[in-house]
Amino acid sequence: MLYDNAVCKESITLTTIPIYYLQPNTRIFVTDLKSGINGEYIISRLGYNLTYNGTLSIAATKAAGRIY
């Protein structure tokens, strides 16, 4: 909640193979030079697709570096 109200929101959505140990409120580091994404993000939502070629959808918000 503190991250949501302290800084401007920058959010991303990723689709990847399932990573089962991830959970909401976990800090992850994401780098993608092609799309210009670089930094630490807090996972806000996870969605698993449990089919034979299952995928994981991650919604995350940019983490504030320092809050005064």
PDB file of N, CA and C in Angstrom:
ATOM      1  N   MET A   1       0.815  -1.181   0.000  1.00  0.00           N
ATOM      2  CA  MET A   1       0.000   0.000   0.000  1.00  0.00           C
ATOM      3  C   MET A   1       0.865   1.254   0.000  1.00  0.00           C
ATOM      4  N   LEU A   2       1.982   1.200   0.720  1.00  0.00           N
ATOM      5  CA  LEU A   2       2.877   2.343   0.765  1.00  0.00           C
ATOM      6  C   LEU A   2       3.459   2.627  -0.613  1.00  0.00           C
ATOM      7  N   TYR A   3       3.826   1.570  -1.352  1.00  0.00           N
ATOM      8  CA  TYR A   3       4.370   1.752  -2.700  1.00  0.00           C
ATOM      9  C   TYR A   3       3.333   2.348  -3.645  1.00  0.00           C
ATOM     10  N   ASP A   4       2.078   1.965  -3.489  1.00  0.00           N
ATOM     11  CA  ASP A   4       1.029   2.448  -4.381  1.00  0.00           C
ATOM     12  C   ASP A   4       0.777   3.938  -4.244  1.00  0.00           C
ATOM     13  N   ASN A   5       0.969   4.493  -3.056  1.00  0.00           N
ATOM     14  CA  ASN A   5       0.638   5.889  -2.815  1.00  0.00           C
ATOM     15  C   ASN A   5       1.838   6.818  -2.719  1.00  0.00           C
ATOM     16  N   ALA A   6       3.048   6.287  -2.707  1.00  0.00           N
ATOM     17  CA  ALA A   6       4.231   7.117  -2.505  1.00  0.00           C
ATOM     18  C   ALA A   6       4.817   7.653  -3.812  1.00  0.00           C
ATOM     19  N   VAL A   7       4.687   6.931  -4.888  1.00  0.00           N
ATOM     20  CA  VAL A   7       5.298   7.324  -6.158  1.00  0.00           C
ATOM     21  C   VAL A   7       4.304   7.142  -7.293  1.00  0.00           C
ATOM     22  N   CYS A   8       4.658   7.670  -8.463  1.00  0.00           N
ATOM     23  CA  CYS A   8       3.830   7.454  -9.653  1.00  0.00           C
ATOM     24  C   CYS A   8       3.863   5.976 -10.016  1.00  0.00           C
ATOM     25  N   LYS A   9       2.725   5.447 -10.368  1.00  0.00           N
ATOM     26  CA  LYS A   9       2.653   4.024 -10.696  1.00  0.00           C
ATOM     27  C   LYS A   9       3.228   3.752 -12.068  1.00  0.00           C
ATOM     28  N   GLU A  10       4.080   2.770 -12.133  1.00  0.00           N
ATOM     29  CA  GLU A  10       4.566   2.219 -13.392  1.00  0.00           C
ATOM     30  C   GLU A  10       4.378   0.723 -13.265  1.00  0.00           C
ATOM     31  N   SER A  11       3.544   0.143 -14.119  1.00  0.00           N
ATOM     32  CA  SER A  11       3.250  -1.278 -13.986  1.00  0.00           C
ATOM     33  C   SER A  11       3.559  -2.016 -15.280  1.00  0.00           C
ATOM     34  N   ILE A  12       3.810  -3.309 -15.127  1.00  0.00           N
ATOM     35  CA  ILE A  12       4.098  -4.173 -16.265  1.00  0.00           C
ATOM     36  C   ILE A  12       3.284  -5.456 -16.120  1.00  0.00           C
ATOM     37  N   THR A  13       3.102  -6.147 -17.237  1.00  0.00           N
ATOM     38  CA  THR A  13       2.485  -7.467 -17.253  1.00  0.00           C
ATOM     39  C   THR A  13       3.370  -8.380 -18.075  1.00  0.00           C
ATOM     40  N   LEU A  14       3.724  -9.518 -17.515  1.00  0.00           N
ATOM     41  CA  LEU A  14       4.592 -10.487 -18.167  1.00  0.00           C
ATOM     42  C   LEU A  14       3.872 -11.814 -18.326  1.00  0.00           C
ATOM     43  N   THR A  15       4.211 -12.548 -19.369  1.00  0.00           N
ATOM     44  CA  THR A  15       3.742 -13.917 -19.545  1.00  0.00           C
ATOM     45  C   THR A  15       4.969 -14.791 -19.714  1.00  0.00           C
ATOM     46  N   THR A  16       5.055 -15.842 -18.916  1.00  0.00           N
ATOM     47  CA  THR A  16       6.241 -16.687 -18.893  1.00  0.00           C
ATOM     48  C   THR A  16       5.851 -18.126 -18.555  1.00  0.00           C
ATOM     49  N   ILE A  17       6.833 -19.007 -18.511  1.00  0.00           N
ATOM     50  CA  ILE A  17       6.571 -20.360 -18.037  1.00  0.00           C
ATOM     51  C   ILE A  17       6.296 -20.280 -16.537  1.00  0.00           C
ATOM     52  N   PRO A  18       5.539 -21.202 -15.978  1.00  0.00           N
ATOM     53  CA  PRO A  18       5.209 -21.123 -14.553  1.00  0.00           C
ATOM     54  C   PRO A  18       6.447 -21.175 -13.650  1.00  0.00           C
ATOM     55  N   ILE A  19       6.479 -20.259 -12.690  1.00  0.00           N
ATOM     56  CA  ILE A  19       7.498 -20.229 -11.648  1.00  0.00           C
ATOM     57  C   ILE A  19       6.712 -20.328 -10.347  1.00  0.00           C
ATOM     58  N   TYR A  20       6.629 -21.519  -9.794  1.00  0.00           N
ATOM     59  CA  TYR A  20       5.673 -21.801  -8.731  1.00  0.00           C
ATOM     60  C   TYR A  20       6.055 -21.214  -7.375  1.00  0.00           C
ATOM     61  N   TYR A  21       7.297 -20.834  -7.161  1.00  0.00           N
ATOM     62  CA  TYR A  21       7.674 -20.283  -5.864  1.00  0.00           C
ATOM     63  C   TYR A  21       7.388 -18.790  -5.749  1.00  0.00           C
ATOM     64  N   LEU A  22       7.015 -18.117  -6.829  1.00  0.00           N
ATOM     65  CA  LEU A  22       6.668 -16.701  -6.755  1.00  0.00           C
ATOM     66  C   LEU A  22       5.312 -16.515  -6.086  1.00  0.00           C
ATOM     67  N   GLN A  23       5.159 -15.417  -5.372  1.00  0.00           N
ATOM     68  CA  GLN A  23       3.894 -15.080  -4.743  1.00  0.00           C
ATOM     69  C   GLN A  23       3.748 -13.567  -4.705  1.00  0.00           C
ATOM     70  N   PRO A  24       2.533 -13.072  -4.513  1.00  0.00           N
ATOM     71  CA  PRO A  24       2.329 -11.617  -4.453  1.00  0.00           C
ATOM     72  C   PRO A  24       3.178 -10.986  -3.347  1.00  0.00           C
ATOM     73  N   ASN A  25       3.514  -9.709  -3.551  1.00  0.00           N
ATOM     74  CA  ASN A  25       4.347  -8.921  -2.648  1.00  0.00           C
ATOM     75  C   ASN A  25       5.805  -9.373  -2.624  1.00  0.00           C
ATOM     76  N   THR A  26       6.237 -10.074  -3.667  1.00  0.00           N
ATOM     77  CA  THR A  26       7.631 -10.451  -3.823  1.00  0.00           C
ATOM     78  C   THR A  26       8.304  -9.444  -4.742  1.00  0.00           C
ATOM     79  N   ARG A  27       9.514  -9.020  -4.384  1.00  0.00           N
ATOM     80  CA  ARG A  27      10.268  -8.072  -5.210  1.00  0.00           C
ATOM     81  C   ARG A  27      11.074  -8.853  -6.244  1.00  0.00           C
ATOM     82  N   ILE A  28      10.925  -8.481  -7.526  1.00  0.00           N
ATOM     83  CA  ILE A  28      11.663  -9.126  -8.614  1.00  0.00           C
ATOM     84  C   ILE A  28      12.426  -8.064  -9.395  1.00  0.00           C
ATOM     85  N   PHE A  29      13.503  -8.471 -10.056  1.00  0.00           N
ATOM     86  CA  PHE A  29      14.269  -7.575 -10.912  1.00  0.00           C
ATOM     87  C   PHE A  29      13.997  -7.958 -12.354  1.00  0.00           C
ATOM     88  N   VAL A  30      13.604  -6.990 -13.177  1.00  0.00           N
ATOM     89  CA  VAL A  30      13.243  -7.239 -14.570  1.00  0.00           C
ATOM     90  C   VAL A  30      14.098  -6.344 -15.464  1.00  0.00           C
ATOM     91  N   THR A  31      14.697  -6.933 -16.504  1.00  0.00           N
ATOM     92  CA  THR A  31      15.449  -6.177 -17.498  1.00  0.00           C
ATOM     93  C   THR A  31      15.041  -6.644 -18.886  1.00  0.00           C
ATOM     94  N   ASP A  32      14.614  -5.709 -19.722  1.00  0.00           N
ATOM     95  CA  ASP A  32      14.314  -5.975 -21.124  1.00  0.00           C
ATOM     96  C   ASP A  32      14.689  -4.728 -21.907  1.00  0.00           C
ATOM     97  N   LEU A  33      15.828  -4.761 -22.571  1.00  0.00           N
ATOM     98  CA  LEU A  33      16.327  -3.588 -23.280  1.00  0.00           C
ATOM     99  C   LEU A  33      15.449  -3.200 -24.460  1.00  0.00           C
ATOM    100  N   LYS A  34      14.823  -4.181 -25.106  1.00  0.00           N
ATOM    101  CA  LYS A  34      13.997  -3.903 -26.275  1.00  0.00           C
ATOM    102  C   LYS A  34      12.785  -3.036 -25.922  1.00  0.00           C
ATOM    103  N   SER A  35      12.154  -3.325 -24.787  1.00  0.00           N
ATOM    104  CA  SER A  35      10.973  -2.558 -24.390  1.00  0.00           C
ATOM    105  C   SER A  35      11.291  -1.448 -23.391  1.00  0.00           C
ATOM    106  N   GLY A  36      12.536  -1.349 -22.950  1.00  0.00           N
ATOM    107  CA  GLY A  36      12.926  -0.280 -22.036  1.00  0.00           C
ATOM    108  C   GLY A  36      12.555  -0.524 -20.584  1.00  0.00           C
ATOM    109  N   ILE A  37      12.346  -1.777 -20.214  1.00  0.00           N
ATOM    110  CA  ILE A  37      12.000  -2.109 -18.833  1.00  0.00           C
ATOM    111  C   ILE A  37      13.283  -2.467 -18.099  1.00  0.00           C
ATOM    112  N   ASN A  38      13.521  -1.784 -16.971  1.00  0.00           N
ATOM    113  CA  ASN A  38      14.704  -2.061 -16.183  1.00  0.00           C
ATOM    114  C   ASN A  38      14.445  -1.600 -14.755  1.00  0.00           C
ATOM    115  N   GLY A  39      14.526  -2.498 -13.802  1.00  0.00           N
ATOM    116  CA  GLY A  39      14.372  -2.121 -12.413  1.00  0.00           C
ATOM    117  C   GLY A  39      13.705  -3.188 -11.583  1.00  0.00           C
ATOM    118  N   GLU A  40      13.432  -2.821 -10.344  1.00  0.00           N
ATOM    119  CA  GLU A  40      12.796  -3.734  -9.404  1.00  0.00           C
ATOM    120  C   GLU A  40      11.292  -3.477  -9.364  1.00  0.00           C
ATOM    121  N   TYR A  41      10.536  -4.560  -9.333  1.00  0.00           N
ATOM    122  CA  TYR A  41       9.082  -4.498  -9.342  1.00  0.00           C
ATOM    123  C   TYR A  41       8.534  -5.370  -8.223  1.00  0.00           C
ATOM    124  N   ILE A  42       7.372  -4.980  -7.704  1.00  0.00           N
ATOM    125  CA  ILE A  42       6.662  -5.750  -6.678  1.00  0.00           C
ATOM    126  C   ILE A  42       5.501  -6.470  -7.359  1.00  0.00           C
ATOM    127  N   ILE A  43       5.446  -7.791  -7.220  1.00  0.00           N
ATOM    128  CA  ILE A  43       4.366  -8.569  -7.836  1.00  0.00           C
ATOM    129  C   ILE A  43       3.053  -8.257  -7.146  1.00  0.00           C
ATOM    130  N   SER A  44       2.052  -7.873  -7.929  1.00  0.00           N
ATOM    131  CA  SER A  44       0.738  -7.580  -7.359  1.00  0.00           C
ATOM    132  C   SER A  44      -0.282  -8.676  -7.656  1.00  0.00           C
ATOM    133  N   ARG A  45      -0.099  -9.390  -8.781  1.00  0.00           N
ATOM    134  CA  ARG A  45      -1.074 -10.428  -9.147  1.00  0.00           C
ATOM    135  C   ARG A  45      -0.382 -11.510  -9.963  1.00  0.00           C
ATOM    136  N   LEU A  46      -0.731 -12.758  -9.696  1.00  0.00           N
ATOM    137  CA  LEU A  46      -0.249 -13.915 -10.454  1.00  0.00           C
ATOM    138  C   LEU A  46      -1.443 -14.678 -11.010  1.00  0.00           C
ATOM    139  N   GLY A  47      -1.302 -15.192 -12.220  1.00  0.00           N
ATOM    140  CA  GLY A  47      -2.353 -16.017 -12.805  1.00  0.00           C
ATOM    141  C   GLY A  47      -1.740 -17.217 -13.502  1.00  0.00           C
ATOM    142  N   TYR A  48      -2.110 -18.407 -13.067  1.00  0.00           N
ATOM    143  CA  TYR A  48      -1.595 -19.652 -13.643  1.00  0.00           C
ATOM    144  C   TYR A  48      -2.597 -20.248 -14.608  1.00  0.00           C
ATOM    145  N   ASN A  49      -2.096 -20.746 -15.723  1.00  0.00           N
ATOM    146  CA  ASN A  49      -2.905 -21.483 -16.679  1.00  0.00           C
ATOM    147  C   ASN A  49      -2.445 -22.931 -16.593  1.00  0.00           C
ATOM    148  N   LEU A  50      -3.266 -23.802 -16.059  1.00  0.00           N
ATOM    149  CA  LEU A  50      -2.855 -25.169 -15.763  1.00  0.00           C
ATOM    150  C   LEU A  50      -3.208 -26.145 -16.880  1.00  0.00           C
ATOM    151  N   THR A  51      -2.791 -25.847 -18.087  1.00  0.00           N
ATOM    152  CA  THR A  51      -2.969 -26.770 -19.203  1.00  0.00           C
ATOM    153  C   THR A  51      -1.630 -27.455 -19.474  1.00  0.00           C
ATOM    154  N   TYR A  52      -1.583 -28.297 -20.488  1.00  0.00           N
ATOM    155  CA  TYR A  52      -0.346 -29.008 -20.794  1.00  0.00           C
ATOM    156  C   TYR A  52       0.796 -28.061 -21.165  1.00  0.00           C
ATOM    157  N   ASN A  53       0.485 -26.895 -21.724  1.00  0.00           N
ATOM    158  CA  ASN A  53       1.511 -25.898 -22.043  1.00  0.00           C
ATOM    159  C   ASN A  53       1.274 -24.656 -21.169  1.00  0.00           C
ATOM    160  N   GLY A  54       1.158 -24.872 -19.864  1.00  0.00           N
ATOM    161  CA  GLY A  54       0.778 -23.838 -18.912  1.00  0.00           C
ATOM    162  C   GLY A  54       1.662 -22.600 -18.964  1.00  0.00           C
ATOM    163  N   THR A  55       1.069 -21.473 -18.641  1.00  0.00           N
ATOM    164  CA  THR A  55       1.784 -20.211 -18.613  1.00  0.00           C
ATOM    165  C   THR A  55       1.499 -19.508 -17.289  1.00  0.00           C
ATOM    166  N   LEU A  56       2.318 -18.531 -16.994  1.00  0.00           N
ATOM    167  CA  LEU A  56       2.166 -17.713 -15.808  1.00  0.00           C
ATOM    168  C   LEU A  56       2.055 -16.268 -16.246  1.00  0.00           C
ATOM    169  N   SER A  57       1.054 -15.580 -15.756  1.00  0.00           N
ATOM    170  CA  SER A  57       0.881 -14.162 -16.030  1.00  0.00           C
ATOM    171  C   SER A  57       1.190 -13.396 -14.750  1.00  0.00           C
ATOM    172  N   ILE A  58       2.108 -12.426 -14.849  1.00  0.00           N
ATOM    173  CA  ILE A  58       2.539 -11.638 -13.696  1.00  0.00           C
ATOM    174  C   ILE A  58       2.191 -10.180 -13.941  1.00  0.00           C
ATOM    175  N   ALA A  59       1.512  -9.569 -12.983  1.00  0.00           N
ATOM    176  CA  ALA A  59       1.268  -8.124 -12.990  1.00  0.00           C
ATOM    177  C   ALA A  59       2.095  -7.552 -11.847  1.00  0.00           C
ATOM    178  N   ALA A  60       2.909  -6.532 -12.138  1.00  0.00           N
ATOM    179  CA  ALA A  60       3.804  -5.976 -11.131  1.00  0.00           C
ATOM    180  C   ALA A  60       3.855  -4.458 -11.236  1.00  0.00           C
ATOM    181  N   THR A  61       4.166  -3.822 -10.102  1.00  0.00           N
ATOM    182  CA  THR A  61       4.277  -2.373 -10.011  1.00  0.00           C
ATOM    183  C   THR A  61       5.708  -2.017  -9.651  1.00  0.00           C
ATOM    184  N   LYS A  62       6.242  -0.972 -10.275  1.00  0.00           N
ATOM    185  CA  LYS A  62       7.622  -0.561 -10.019  1.00  0.00           C
ATOM    186  C   LYS A  62       7.808  -0.236  -8.542  1.00  0.00           C
ATOM    187  N   ALA A  63       8.878  -0.750  -7.960  1.00  0.00           N
ATOM    188  CA  ALA A  63       9.182  -0.530  -6.551  1.00  0.00           C
ATOM    189  C   ALA A  63       9.873   0.809  -6.375  1.00  0.00           C
ATOM    190  N   ALA A  64       9.500   1.504  -5.323  1.00  0.00           N
ATOM    191  CA  ALA A  64      10.138   2.780  -5.011  1.00  0.00           C
ATOM    192  C   ALA A  64      11.542   2.498  -4.476  1.00  0.00           C
ATOM    193  N   GLY A  65      12.492   3.260  -4.950  1.00  0.00           N
ATOM    194  CA  GLY A  65      13.867   3.062  -4.498  1.00  0.00           C
ATOM    195  C   GLY A  65      14.062   3.505  -3.061  1.00  0.00           C
ATOM    196  N   ARG A  66      13.537   4.692  -2.735  1.00  0.00           N
ATOM    197  CA  ARG A  66      13.672   5.221  -1.390  1.00  0.00           C
ATOM    198  C   ARG A  66      12.463   6.100  -1.089  1.00  0.00           C
ATOM    199  N   ILE A  67      11.865   5.889   0.057  1.00  0.00           N
ATOM    200  CA  ILE A  67      10.703   6.668   0.462  1.00  0.00           C
ATOM    201  C   ILE A  67      11.103   7.505   1.672  1.00  0.00           C
ATOM    202  N   TYR A  68      10.863   8.809   1.587  1.00  0.00           N
ATOM    203  CA  TYR A  68      11.233   9.693   2.689  1.00  0.00           C
ATOM    204  C   TYR A  68      10.034  10.001   3.537  1.00  0.00           C
TER     205      TYR A  68
END
